[in-house]
Amino acid sequence: KYGVKCLSAQEQKLSESLVIRLSRVCEAARDKKVRAKAEAEAKAKEMEEMKAKQEEDRKKREEDLKAKREEEEAERKVQDEEDRTRGYRIVKQTTTHVNAGLAAPL
């Protein structure tokens, strides 16, 4: 009446086997998608961490460079001051010698 056919035992077994195989294929595909998503998330997190580390390293290099420049500037200022003081002494000594008529070579 409805076109329904009863399956033989062999056909039922085959049908069940096909359903099981199909469900396994679907599960494997689902697992593959989940695994791919997890791998993509892990890779993205790794990239973020690498970028953060690179930024941190860059800031540290900048700070180190700034500190080195400040140190060199301070050393240069001290050296300039010493040179000025030494120059003043030489000029003063020369002036004193010249005034005394004993000009000493520089």
PDB file of N, CA and C in Angstrom:
ATOM      1  N   LYS A   1       0.817  -1.181   0.000  1.00  0.00           N
ATOM      2  CA  LYS A   1       0.000   0.000   0.000  1.00  0.00           C
ATOM      3  C   LYS A   1       0.871   1.259   0.000  1.00  0.00           C
ATOM      4  N   TYR A   2       1.847   1.348   0.935  1.00  0.00           N
ATOM      5  CA  TYR A   2       2.738   2.510   1.021  1.00  0.00           C
ATOM      6  C   TYR A   2       4.062   2.291   0.303  1.00  0.00           C
ATOM      7  N   GLY A   3       4.287   1.212  -0.262  1.00  0.00           N
ATOM      8  CA  GLY A   3       5.523   0.918  -0.951  1.00  0.00           C
ATOM      9  C   GLY A   3       6.646   0.554   0.001  1.00  0.00           C
ATOM     10  N   VAL A   4       6.315   0.172   1.214  1.00  0.00           N
ATOM     11  CA  VAL A   4       7.321  -0.190   2.199  1.00  0.00           C
ATOM     12  C   VAL A   4       7.671  -1.648   1.996  1.00  0.00           C
ATOM     13  N   LYS A   5       8.963  -1.903   1.975  1.00  0.00           N
ATOM     14  CA  LYS A   5       9.430  -3.259   1.759  1.00  0.00           C
ATOM     15  C   LYS A   5      10.153  -3.703   3.014  1.00  0.00           C
ATOM     16  N   CYS A   6       9.887  -4.866   3.459  1.00  0.00           N
ATOM     17  CA  CYS A   6      10.592  -5.408   4.612  1.00  0.00           C
ATOM     18  C   CYS A   6      11.948  -5.910   4.148  1.00  0.00           C
ATOM     19  N   LEU A   7      12.957  -5.585   4.934  1.00  0.00           N
ATOM     20  CA  LEU A   7      14.314  -5.978   4.584  1.00  0.00           C
ATOM     21  C   LEU A   7      14.615  -7.359   5.134  1.00  0.00           C
ATOM     22  N   SER A   8      15.390  -8.089   4.372  1.00  0.00           N
ATOM     23  CA  SER A   8      15.823  -9.396   4.844  1.00  0.00           C
ATOM     24  C   SER A   8      16.890  -9.180   5.913  1.00  0.00           C
ATOM     25  N   ALA A   9      17.223 -10.198   6.624  1.00  0.00           N
ATOM     26  CA  ALA A   9      18.233 -10.115   7.683  1.00  0.00           C
ATOM     27  C   ALA A   9      19.566  -9.651   7.110  1.00  0.00           C
ATOM     28  N   GLN A  10      19.919 -10.149   5.935  1.00  0.00           N
ATOM     29  CA  GLN A  10      21.187  -9.771   5.299  1.00  0.00           C
ATOM     30  C   GLN A  10      21.159  -8.286   4.915  1.00  0.00           C
ATOM     31  N   GLU A  11      20.036  -7.834   4.382  1.00  0.00           N
ATOM     32  CA  GLU A  11      19.912  -6.424   4.002  1.00  0.00           C
ATOM     33  C   GLU A  11      19.941  -5.514   5.232  1.00  0.00           C
ATOM     34  N   GLN A  12      19.328  -5.972   6.315  1.00  0.00           N
ATOM     35  CA  GLN A  12      19.345  -5.197   7.562  1.00  0.00           C
ATOM     36  C   GLN A  12      20.771  -5.058   8.089  1.00  0.00           C
ATOM     37  N   LYS A  13      21.507  -6.156   8.062  1.00  0.00           N
ATOM     38  CA  LYS A  13      22.903  -6.122   8.515  1.00  0.00           C
ATOM     39  C   LYS A  13      23.716  -5.163   7.664  1.00  0.00           C
ATOM     40  N   LEU A  14      23.523  -5.236   6.360  1.00  0.00           N
ATOM     41  CA  LEU A  14      24.232  -4.361   5.438  1.00  0.00           C
ATOM     42  C   LEU A  14      23.856  -2.902   5.697  1.00  0.00           C
ATOM     43  N   SER A  15      22.595  -2.662   5.919  1.00  0.00           N
ATOM     44  CA  SER A  15      22.111  -1.309   6.199  1.00  0.00           C
ATOM     45  C   SER A  15      22.724  -0.780   7.499  1.00  0.00           C
ATOM     46  N   GLU A  16      22.735  -1.595   8.531  1.00  0.00           N
ATOM     47  CA  GLU A  16      23.336  -1.196   9.812  1.00  0.00           C
ATOM     48  C   GLU A  16      24.828  -0.922   9.643  1.00  0.00           C
ATOM     49  N   SER A  17      25.481  -1.772   8.871  1.00  0.00           N
ATOM     50  CA  SER A  17      26.911  -1.604   8.613  1.00  0.00           C
ATOM     51  C   SER A  17      27.170  -0.279   7.898  1.00  0.00           C
ATOM     52  N   LEU A  18      26.333   0.046   6.912  1.00  0.00           N
ATOM     53  CA  LEU A  18      26.485   1.311   6.187  1.00  0.00           C
ATOM     54  C   LEU A  18      26.243   2.510   7.104  1.00  0.00           C
ATOM     55  N   VAL A  19      25.255   2.409   7.970  1.00  0.00           N
ATOM     56  CA  VAL A  19      24.965   3.490   8.922  1.00  0.00           C
ATOM     57  C   VAL A  19      26.155   3.689   9.858  1.00  0.00           C
ATOM     58  N   ILE A  20      26.724   2.598  10.336  1.00  0.00           N
ATOM     59  CA  ILE A  20      27.891   2.682  11.231  1.00  0.00           C
ATOM     60  C   ILE A  20      29.070   3.322  10.507  1.00  0.00           C
ATOM     61  N   ARG A  21      29.328   2.874   9.275  1.00  0.00           N
ATOM     62  CA  ARG A  21      30.436   3.454   8.495  1.00  0.00           C
ATOM     63  C   ARG A  21      30.218   4.941   8.254  1.00  0.00           C
ATOM     64  N   LEU A  22      28.988   5.284   7.896  1.00  0.00           N
ATOM     65  CA  LEU A  22      28.665   6.686   7.636  1.00  0.00           C
ATOM     66  C   LEU A  22      28.855   7.532   8.897  1.00  0.00           C
ATOM     67  N   SER A  23      28.430   7.013  10.028  1.00  0.00           N
ATOM     68  CA  SER A  23      28.596   7.767  11.277  1.00  0.00           C
ATOM     69  C   SER A  23      30.083   7.918  11.622  1.00  0.00           C
ATOM     70  N   ARG A  24      30.883   6.885  11.338  1.00  0.00           N
ATOM     71  CA  ARG A  24      32.332   6.980  11.581  1.00  0.00           C
ATOM     72  C   ARG A  24      32.977   8.028  10.672  1.00  0.00           C
ATOM     73  N   VAL A  25      32.550   8.054   9.409  1.00  0.00           N
ATOM     74  CA  VAL A  25      33.083   9.042   8.464  1.00  0.00           C
ATOM     75  C   VAL A  25      32.727  10.450   8.931  1.00  0.00           C
ATOM     76  N   CYS A  26      31.468  10.624   9.350  1.00  0.00           N
ATOM     77  CA  CYS A  26      31.033  11.941   9.847  1.00  0.00           C
ATOM     78  C   CYS A  26      31.817  12.340  11.096  1.00  0.00           C
ATOM     79  N   GLU A  27      32.020  11.386  11.993  1.00  0.00           N
ATOM     80  CA  GLU A  27      32.774  11.655  13.219  1.00  0.00           C
ATOM     81  C   GLU A  27      34.223  12.021  12.894  1.00  0.00           C
ATOM     82  N   ALA A  28      34.814  11.311  11.949  1.00  0.00           N
ATOM     83  CA  ALA A  28      36.196  11.608  11.549  1.00  0.00           C
ATOM     84  C   ALA A  28      36.287  13.001  10.940  1.00  0.00           C
ATOM     85  N   ALA A  29      35.308  13.345  10.115  1.00  0.00           N
ATOM     86  CA  ALA A  29      35.298  14.686   9.512  1.00  0.00           C
ATOM     87  C   ALA A  29      35.142  15.749  10.588  1.00  0.00           C
ATOM     88  N   ARG A  30      34.270  15.489  11.552  1.00  0.00           N
ATOM     89  CA  ARG A  30      34.065  16.423  12.661  1.00  0.00           C
ATOM     90  C   ARG A  30      35.359  16.561  13.476  1.00  0.00           C
ATOM     91  N   ASP A  31      36.001  15.426  13.772  1.00  0.00           N
ATOM     92  CA  ASP A  31      37.269  15.448  14.510  1.00  0.00           C
ATOM     93  C   ASP A  31      38.337  16.221  13.744  1.00  0.00           C
ATOM     94  N   LYS A  32      38.352  16.025  12.432  1.00  0.00           N
ATOM     95  CA  LYS A  32      39.335  16.723  11.599  1.00  0.00           C
ATOM     96  C   LYS A  32      39.119  18.235  11.672  1.00  0.00           C
ATOM     97  N   LYS A  33      37.854  18.658  11.620  1.00  0.00           N
ATOM     98  CA  LYS A  33      37.545  20.088  11.727  1.00  0.00           C
ATOM     99  C   LYS A  33      37.949  20.631  13.094  1.00  0.00           C
ATOM    100  N   VAL A  34      37.629  19.883  14.136  1.00  0.00           N
ATOM    101  CA  VAL A  34      37.967  20.306  15.502  1.00  0.00           C
ATOM    102  C   VAL A  34      39.481  20.401  15.655  1.00  0.00           C
ATOM    103  N   ARG A  35      40.189  19.404  15.140  1.00  0.00           N
ATOM    104  CA  ARG A  35      41.651  19.388  15.226  1.00  0.00           C
ATOM    105  C   ARG A  35      42.245  20.565  14.450  1.00  0.00           C
ATOM    106  N   ALA A  36      41.711  20.818  13.249  1.00  0.00           N
ATOM    107  CA  ALA A  36      42.211  21.936  12.434  1.00  0.00           C
ATOM    108  C   ALA A  36      41.960  23.265  13.140  1.00  0.00           C
ATOM    109  N   LYS A  37      40.796  23.391  13.754  1.00  0.00           N
ATOM    110  CA  LYS A  37      40.473  24.629  14.482  1.00  0.00           C
ATOM    111  C   LYS A  37      41.417  24.801  15.673  1.00  0.00           C
ATOM    112  N   ALA A  38      41.655  23.730  16.409  1.00  0.00           N
ATOM    113  CA  ALA A  38      42.556  23.788  17.563  1.00  0.00           C
ATOM    114  C   ALA A  38      43.973  24.144  17.123  1.00  0.00           C
ATOM    115  N   GLU A  39      44.420  23.561  16.015  1.00  0.00           N
ATOM    116  CA  GLU A  39      45.760  23.869  15.504  1.00  0.00           C
ATOM    117  C   GLU A  39      45.859  25.329  15.075  1.00  0.00           C
ATOM    118  N   ALA A  40      44.811  25.835  14.430  1.00  0.00           N
ATOM    119  CA  ALA A  40      44.804  27.237  13.996  1.00  0.00           C
ATOM    120  C   ALA A  40      44.840  28.170  15.203  1.00  0.00           C
ATOM    121  N   GLU A  41      44.076  27.837  16.236  1.00  0.00           N
ATOM    122  CA  GLU A  41      44.072  28.653  17.454  1.00  0.00           C
ATOM    123  C   GLU A  41      45.438  28.617  18.135  1.00  0.00           C
ATOM    124  N   ALA A  42      46.047  27.439  18.186  1.00  0.00           N
ATOM    125  CA  ALA A  42      47.369  27.311  18.806  1.00  0.00           C
ATOM    126  C   ALA A  42      48.401  28.123  18.028  1.00  0.00           C
ATOM    127  N   LYS A  43      48.320  28.059  16.706  1.00  0.00           N
ATOM    128  CA  LYS A  43      49.254  28.808  15.872  1.00  0.00           C
ATOM    129  C   LYS A  43      49.066  30.312  16.065  1.00  0.00           C
ATOM    130  N   ALA A  44      47.806  30.752  16.134  1.00  0.00           N
ATOM    131  CA  ALA A  44      47.515  32.174  16.343  1.00  0.00           C
ATOM    132  C   ALA A  44      48.047  32.634  17.698  1.00  0.00           C
ATOM    133  N   LYS A  45      47.873  31.809  18.716  1.00  0.00           N
ATOM    134  CA  LYS A  45      48.369  32.149  20.055  1.00  0.00           C
ATOM    135  C   LYS A  45      49.891  32.225  20.045  1.00  0.00           C
ATOM    136  N   GLU A  46      50.518  31.283  19.374  1.00  0.00           N
ATOM    137  CA  GLU A  46      51.979  31.269  19.267  1.00  0.00           C
ATOM    138  C   GLU A  46      52.478  32.534  18.559  1.00  0.00           C
ATOM    139  N   MET A  47      51.781  32.940  17.499  1.00  0.00           N
ATOM    140  CA  MET A  47      52.156  34.160  16.771  1.00  0.00           C
ATOM    141  C   MET A  47      52.020  35.387  17.676  1.00  0.00           C
ATOM    142  N   GLU A  48      50.929  35.447  18.448  1.00  0.00           N
ATOM    143  CA  GLU A  48      50.732  36.567  19.373  1.00  0.00           C
ATOM    144  C   GLU A  48      51.864  36.622  20.396  1.00  0.00           C
ATOM    145  N   GLU A  49      52.211  35.467  20.948  1.00  0.00           N
ATOM    146  CA  GLU A  49      53.287  35.407  21.936  1.00  0.00           C
ATOM    147  C   GLU A  49      54.610  35.838  21.318  1.00  0.00           C
ATOM    148  N   MET A  50      54.866  35.409  20.073  1.00  0.00           N
ATOM    149  CA  MET A  50      56.108  35.775  19.399  1.00  0.00           C
ATOM    150  C   MET A  50      56.140  37.284  19.156  1.00  0.00           C
ATOM    151  N   LYS A  51      55.012  37.848  18.713  1.00  0.00           N
ATOM    152  CA  LYS A  51      54.955  39.296  18.481  1.00  0.00           C
ATOM    153  C   LYS A  51      55.167  40.054  19.783  1.00  0.00           C
ATOM    154  N   ALA A  52      54.553  39.578  20.868  1.00  0.00           N
ATOM    155  CA  ALA A  52      54.714  40.229  22.169  1.00  0.00           C
ATOM    156  C   ALA A  52      56.177  40.173  22.608  1.00  0.00           C
ATOM    157  N   LYS A  53      56.823  39.030  22.399  1.00  0.00           N
ATOM    158  CA  LYS A  53      58.236  38.897  22.777  1.00  0.00           C
ATOM    159  C   LYS A  53      59.105  39.816  21.922  1.00  0.00           C
ATOM    160  N   GLN A  54      58.819  39.890  20.618  1.00  0.00           N
ATOM    161  CA  GLN A  54      59.587  40.779  19.746  1.00  0.00           C
ATOM    162  C   GLN A  54      59.427  42.231  20.182  1.00  0.00           C
ATOM    163  N   GLU A  55      58.207  42.615  20.545  1.00  0.00           N
ATOM    164  CA  GLU A  55      57.949  43.988  21.001  1.00  0.00           C
ATOM    165  C   GLU A  55      58.708  44.254  22.304  1.00  0.00           C
ATOM    166  N   GLU A  56      58.677  43.279  23.198  1.00  0.00           N
ATOM    167  CA  GLU A  56      59.394  43.407  24.470  1.00  0.00           C
ATOM    168  C   GLU A  56      60.900  43.543  24.223  1.00  0.00           C
ATOM    169  N   ASP A  57      61.439  42.715  23.333  1.00  0.00           N
ATOM    170  CA  ASP A  57      62.865  42.781  22.992  1.00  0.00           C
ATOM    171  C   ASP A  57      63.218  44.129  22.365  1.00  0.00           C
ATOM    172  N   ARG A  58      62.334  44.629  21.492  1.00  0.00           N
ATOM    173  CA  ARG A  58      62.572  45.918  20.840  1.00  0.00           C
ATOM    174  C   ARG A  58      62.608  47.041  21.883  1.00  0.00           C
ATOM    175  N   LYS A  59      61.659  47.010  22.823  1.00  0.00           N
ATOM    176  CA  LYS A  59      61.627  48.036  23.872  1.00  0.00           C
ATOM    177  C   LYS A  59      62.887  47.959  24.730  1.00  0.00           C
ATOM    178  N   LYS A  60      63.321  46.746  25.040  1.00  0.00           N
ATOM    179  CA  LYS A  60      64.528  46.587  25.859  1.00  0.00           C
ATOM    180  C   LYS A  60      65.748  47.132  25.118  1.00  0.00           C
ATOM    181  N   ARG A  61      65.856  46.831  23.814  1.00  0.00           N
ATOM    182  CA  ARG A  61      66.976  47.359  23.025  1.00  0.00           C
ATOM    183  C   ARG A  61      66.945  48.885  23.004  1.00  0.00           C
ATOM    184  N   GLU A  62      65.742  49.453  22.847  1.00  0.00           N
ATOM    185  CA  GLU A  62      65.620  50.914  22.840  1.00  0.00           C
ATOM    186  C   GLU A  62      66.048  51.501  24.181  1.00  0.00           C
ATOM    187  N   GLU A  63      65.609  50.871  25.273  1.00  0.00           N
ATOM    188  CA  GLU A  63      65.988  51.344  26.607  1.00  0.00           C
ATOM    189  C   GLU A  63      67.498  51.239  26.804  1.00  0.00           C
ATOM    190  N   ASP A  64      68.076  50.113  26.387  1.00  0.00           N
ATOM    191  CA  ASP A  64      69.522  49.932  26.515  1.00  0.00           C
ATOM    192  C   ASP A  64      70.277  50.973  25.695  1.00  0.00           C
ATOM    193  N   LEU A  65      69.804  51.218  24.484  1.00  0.00           N
ATOM    194  CA  LEU A  65      70.440  52.208  23.618  1.00  0.00           C
ATOM    195  C   LEU A  65      70.330  53.601  24.227  1.00  0.00           C
ATOM    196  N   LYS A  66      69.162  53.916  24.768  1.00  0.00           N
ATOM    197  CA  LYS A  66      68.960  55.227  25.400  1.00  0.00           C
ATOM    198  C   LYS A  66      69.893  55.383  26.603  1.00  0.00           C
ATOM    199  N   ALA A  67      69.983  54.337  27.422  1.00  0.00           N
ATOM    200  CA  ALA A  67      70.862  54.383  28.593  1.00  0.00           C
ATOM    201  C   ALA A  67      72.318  54.545  28.157  1.00  0.00           C
ATOM    202  N   LYS A  68      72.710  53.837  27.102  1.00  0.00           N
ATOM    203  CA  LYS A  68      74.085  53.934  26.599  1.00  0.00           C
ATOM    204  C   LYS A  68      74.363  55.345  26.097  1.00  0.00           C
ATOM    205  N   ARG A  69      73.403  55.920  25.366  1.00  0.00           N
ATOM    206  CA  ARG A  69      73.582  57.291  24.871  1.00  0.00           C
ATOM    207  C   ARG A  69      73.712  58.281  26.025  1.00  0.00           C
ATOM    208  N   GLU A  70      72.852  58.117  27.037  1.00  0.00           N
ATOM    209  CA  GLU A  70      72.912  59.009  28.199  1.00  0.00           C
ATOM    210  C   GLU A  70      74.259  58.877  28.908  1.00  0.00           C
ATOM    211  N   GLU A  71      74.738  57.646  29.031  1.00  0.00           N
ATOM    212  CA  GLU A  71      76.033  57.409  29.675  1.00  0.00           C
ATOM    213  C   GLU A  71      77.161  58.055  28.866  1.00  0.00           C
ATOM    214  N   GLU A  72      77.121  57.875  27.544  1.00  0.00           N
ATOM    215  CA  GLU A  72      78.149  58.478  26.687  1.00  0.00           C
ATOM    216  C   GLU A  72      78.087  60.001  26.763  1.00  0.00           C
ATOM    217  N   GLU A  73      76.874  60.549  26.800  1.00  0.00           N
ATOM    218  CA  GLU A  73      76.704  62.003  26.905  1.00  0.00           C
ATOM    219  C   GLU A  73      77.285  62.512  28.224  1.00  0.00           C
ATOM    220  N   ALA A  74      77.010  61.791  29.314  1.00  0.00           N
ATOM    221  CA  ALA A  74      77.540  62.187  30.619  1.00  0.00           C
ATOM    222  C   ALA A  74      79.070  62.120  30.611  1.00  0.00           C
ATOM    223  N   GLU A  75      79.619  61.049  30.037  1.00  0.00           N
ATOM    224  CA  GLU A  75      81.079  60.924  29.960  1.00  0.00           C
ATOM    225  C   GLU A  75      81.673  62.049  29.120  1.00  0.00           C
ATOM    226  N   ARG A  76      81.001  62.388  28.022  1.00  0.00           N
ATOM    227  CA  ARG A  76      81.489  63.464  27.156  1.00  0.00           C
ATOM    228  C   ARG A  76      81.456  64.806  27.894  1.00  0.00           C
ATOM    229  N   LYS A  77      80.392  65.037  28.651  1.00  0.00           N
ATOM    230  CA  LYS A  77      80.298  66.288  29.413  1.00  0.00           C
ATOM    231  C   LYS A  77      81.418  66.371  30.445  1.00  0.00           C
ATOM    232  N   VAL A  78      81.670  65.260  31.129  1.00  0.00           N
ATOM    233  CA  VAL A  78      82.754  65.235  32.120  1.00  0.00           C
ATOM    234  C   VAL A  78      84.083  65.497  31.428  1.00  0.00           C
ATOM    235  N   GLN A  79      84.294  64.833  30.288  1.00  0.00           N
ATOM    236  CA  GLN A  79      85.546  65.016  29.543  1.00  0.00           C
ATOM    237  C   GLN A  79      85.672  66.460  29.070  1.00  0.00           C
ATOM    238  N   ASP A  80      84.576  67.039  28.564  1.00  0.00           N
ATOM    239  CA  ASP A  80      84.608  68.439  28.129  1.00  0.00           C
ATOM    240  C   ASP A  80      84.963  69.357  29.289  1.00  0.00           C
ATOM    241  N   GLU A  81      84.371  69.079  30.434  1.00  0.00           N
ATOM    242  CA  GLU A  81      84.650  69.909  31.617  1.00  0.00           C
ATOM    243  C   GLU A  81      86.114  69.765  32.023  1.00  0.00           C
ATOM    244  N   GLU A  82      86.624  68.532  31.997  1.00  0.00           N
ATOM    245  CA  GLU A  82      88.041  68.322  32.333  1.00  0.00           C
ATOM    246  C   GLU A  82      88.935  69.038  31.325  1.00  0.00           C
ATOM    247  N   ASP A  83      88.577  68.948  30.041  1.00  0.00           N
ATOM    248  CA  ASP A  83      89.365  69.627  29.005  1.00  0.00           C
ATOM    249  C   ASP A  83      89.340  71.135  29.207  1.00  0.00           C
ATOM    250  N   ARG A  84      88.163  71.677  29.523  1.00  0.00           N
ATOM    251  CA  ARG A  84      88.065  73.122  29.771  1.00  0.00           C
ATOM    252  C   ARG A  84      88.923  73.520  30.965  1.00  0.00           C
ATOM    253  N   THR A  85      88.829  72.743  32.022  1.00  0.00           N
ATOM    254  CA  THR A  85      89.609  73.042  33.231  1.00  0.00           C
ATOM    255  C   THR A  85      91.098  72.958  32.927  1.00  0.00           C
ATOM    256  N   ARG A  86      91.511  71.897  32.214  1.00  0.00           N
ATOM    257  CA  ARG A  86      92.909  71.729  31.855  1.00  0.00           C
ATOM    258  C   ARG A  86      93.353  72.892  30.954  1.00  0.00           C
ATOM    259  N   GLY A  87      92.513  73.263  30.016  1.00  0.00           N
ATOM    260  CA  GLY A  87      92.820  74.384  29.126  1.00  0.00           C
ATOM    261  C   GLY A  87      92.959  75.677  29.897  1.00  0.00           C
ATOM    262  N   TYR A  88      92.117  75.885  30.872  1.00  0.00           N
ATOM    263  CA  TYR A  88      92.187  77.096  31.697  1.00  0.00           C
ATOM    264  C   TYR A  88      93.508  77.125  32.459  1.00  0.00           C
ATOM    265  N   ARG A  89      93.905  75.949  33.002  1.00  0.00           N
ATOM    266  CA  ARG A  89      95.178  75.886  33.735  1.00  0.00           C
ATOM    267  C   ARG A  89      96.349  76.191  32.812  1.00  0.00           C
ATOM    268  N   ILE A  90      96.316  75.627  31.595  1.00  0.00           N
ATOM    269  CA  ILE A  90      97.409  75.861  30.645  1.00  0.00           C
ATOM    270  C   ILE A  90      97.470  77.336  30.293  1.00  0.00           C
ATOM    271  N   VAL A  91      96.312  77.915  30.017  1.00  0.00           N
ATOM    272  CA  VAL A  91      96.279  79.343  29.681  1.00  0.00           C
ATOM    273  C   VAL A  91      96.787  80.162  30.853  1.00  0.00           C
ATOM    274  N   LYS A  92      96.355  79.819  32.053  1.00  0.00           N
ATOM    275  CA  LYS A  92      96.771  80.570  33.242  1.00  0.00           C
ATOM    276  C   LYS A  92      98.278  80.439  33.440  1.00  0.00           C
ATOM    277  N   GLN A  93      98.806  79.211  33.290  1.00  0.00           N
ATOM    278  CA  GLN A  93     100.249  79.011  33.456  1.00  0.00           C
ATOM    279  C   GLN A  93     101.022  79.783  32.396  1.00  0.00           C
ATOM    280  N   THR A  94     100.541  79.697  31.155  1.00  0.00           N
ATOM    281  CA  THR A  94     101.221  80.404  30.066  1.00  0.00           C
ATOM    282  C   THR A  94     101.204  81.896  30.321  1.00  0.00           C
ATOM    283  N   THR A  95     100.050  82.395  30.735  1.00  0.00           N
ATOM    284  CA  THR A  95      99.932  83.827  31.016  1.00  0.00           C
ATOM    285  C   THR A  95     100.887  84.218  32.132  1.00  0.00           C
ATOM    286  N   THR A  96     100.964  83.393  33.148  1.00  0.00           N
ATOM    287  CA  THR A  96     101.858  83.687  34.264  1.00  0.00           C
ATOM    288  C   THR A  96     103.297  83.704  33.780  1.00  0.00           C
ATOM    289  N   HIS A  97     103.687  82.705  32.955  1.00  0.00           N
ATOM    290  CA  HIS A  97     105.056  82.649  32.446  1.00  0.00           C
ATOM    291  C   HIS A  97     105.348  83.823  31.523  1.00  0.00           C
ATOM    292  N   VAL A  98     104.360  84.154  30.684  1.00  0.00           N
ATOM    293  CA  VAL A  98     104.560  85.274  29.762  1.00  0.00           C
ATOM    294  C   VAL A  98     104.734  86.551  30.557  1.00  0.00           C
ATOM    295  N   ASN A  99     103.907  86.689  31.564  1.00  0.00           N
ATOM    296  CA  ASN A  99     104.015  87.890  32.398  1.00  0.00           C
ATOM    297  C   ASN A  99     105.365  87.940  33.103  1.00  0.00           C
ATOM    298  N   ALA A 100     105.895  86.776  33.424  1.00  0.00           N
ATOM    299  CA  ALA A 100     107.187  86.729  34.102  1.00  0.00           C
ATOM    300  C   ALA A 100     108.329  86.739  33.106  1.00  0.00           C
ATOM    301  N   GLY A 101     107.971  86.723  31.800  1.00  0.00           N
ATOM    302  CA  GLY A 101     109.014  86.724  30.789  1.00  0.00           C
ATOM    303  C   GLY A 101     109.596  85.355  30.542  1.00  0.00           C
ATOM    304  N   LEU A 102     108.931  84.317  30.995  1.00  0.00           N
ATOM    305  CA  LEU A 102     109.429  82.949  30.831  1.00  0.00           C
ATOM    306  C   LEU A 102     108.417  82.120  30.036  1.00  0.00           C
ATOM    307  N   ALA A 103     108.039  82.551  28.895  1.00  0.00           N
ATOM    308  CA  ALA A 103     107.002  81.870  28.111  1.00  0.00           C
ATOM    309  C   ALA A 103     107.386  80.418  27.872  1.00  0.00           C
ATOM    310  N   ALA A 104     106.536  79.529  28.304  1.00  0.00           N
ATOM    311  CA  ALA A 104     106.782  78.094  28.125  1.00  0.00           C
ATOM    312  C   ALA A 104     105.987  77.608  26.914  1.00  0.00           C
ATOM    313  N   PRO A 105     106.571  76.727  26.136  1.00  0.00           N
ATOM    314  CA  PRO A 105     105.825  76.208  24.978  1.00  0.00           C
ATOM    315  C   PRO A 105     104.644  75.352  25.454  1.00  0.00           C
ATOM    316  N   LEU A 106     103.618  75.373  24.655  1.00  0.00           N
ATOM    317  CA  LEU A 106     102.435  74.571  25.008  1.00  0.00           C
ATOM    318  C   LEU A 106     102.700  73.186  24.615  1.00  0.00           C
TER     319      LEU A 106
END
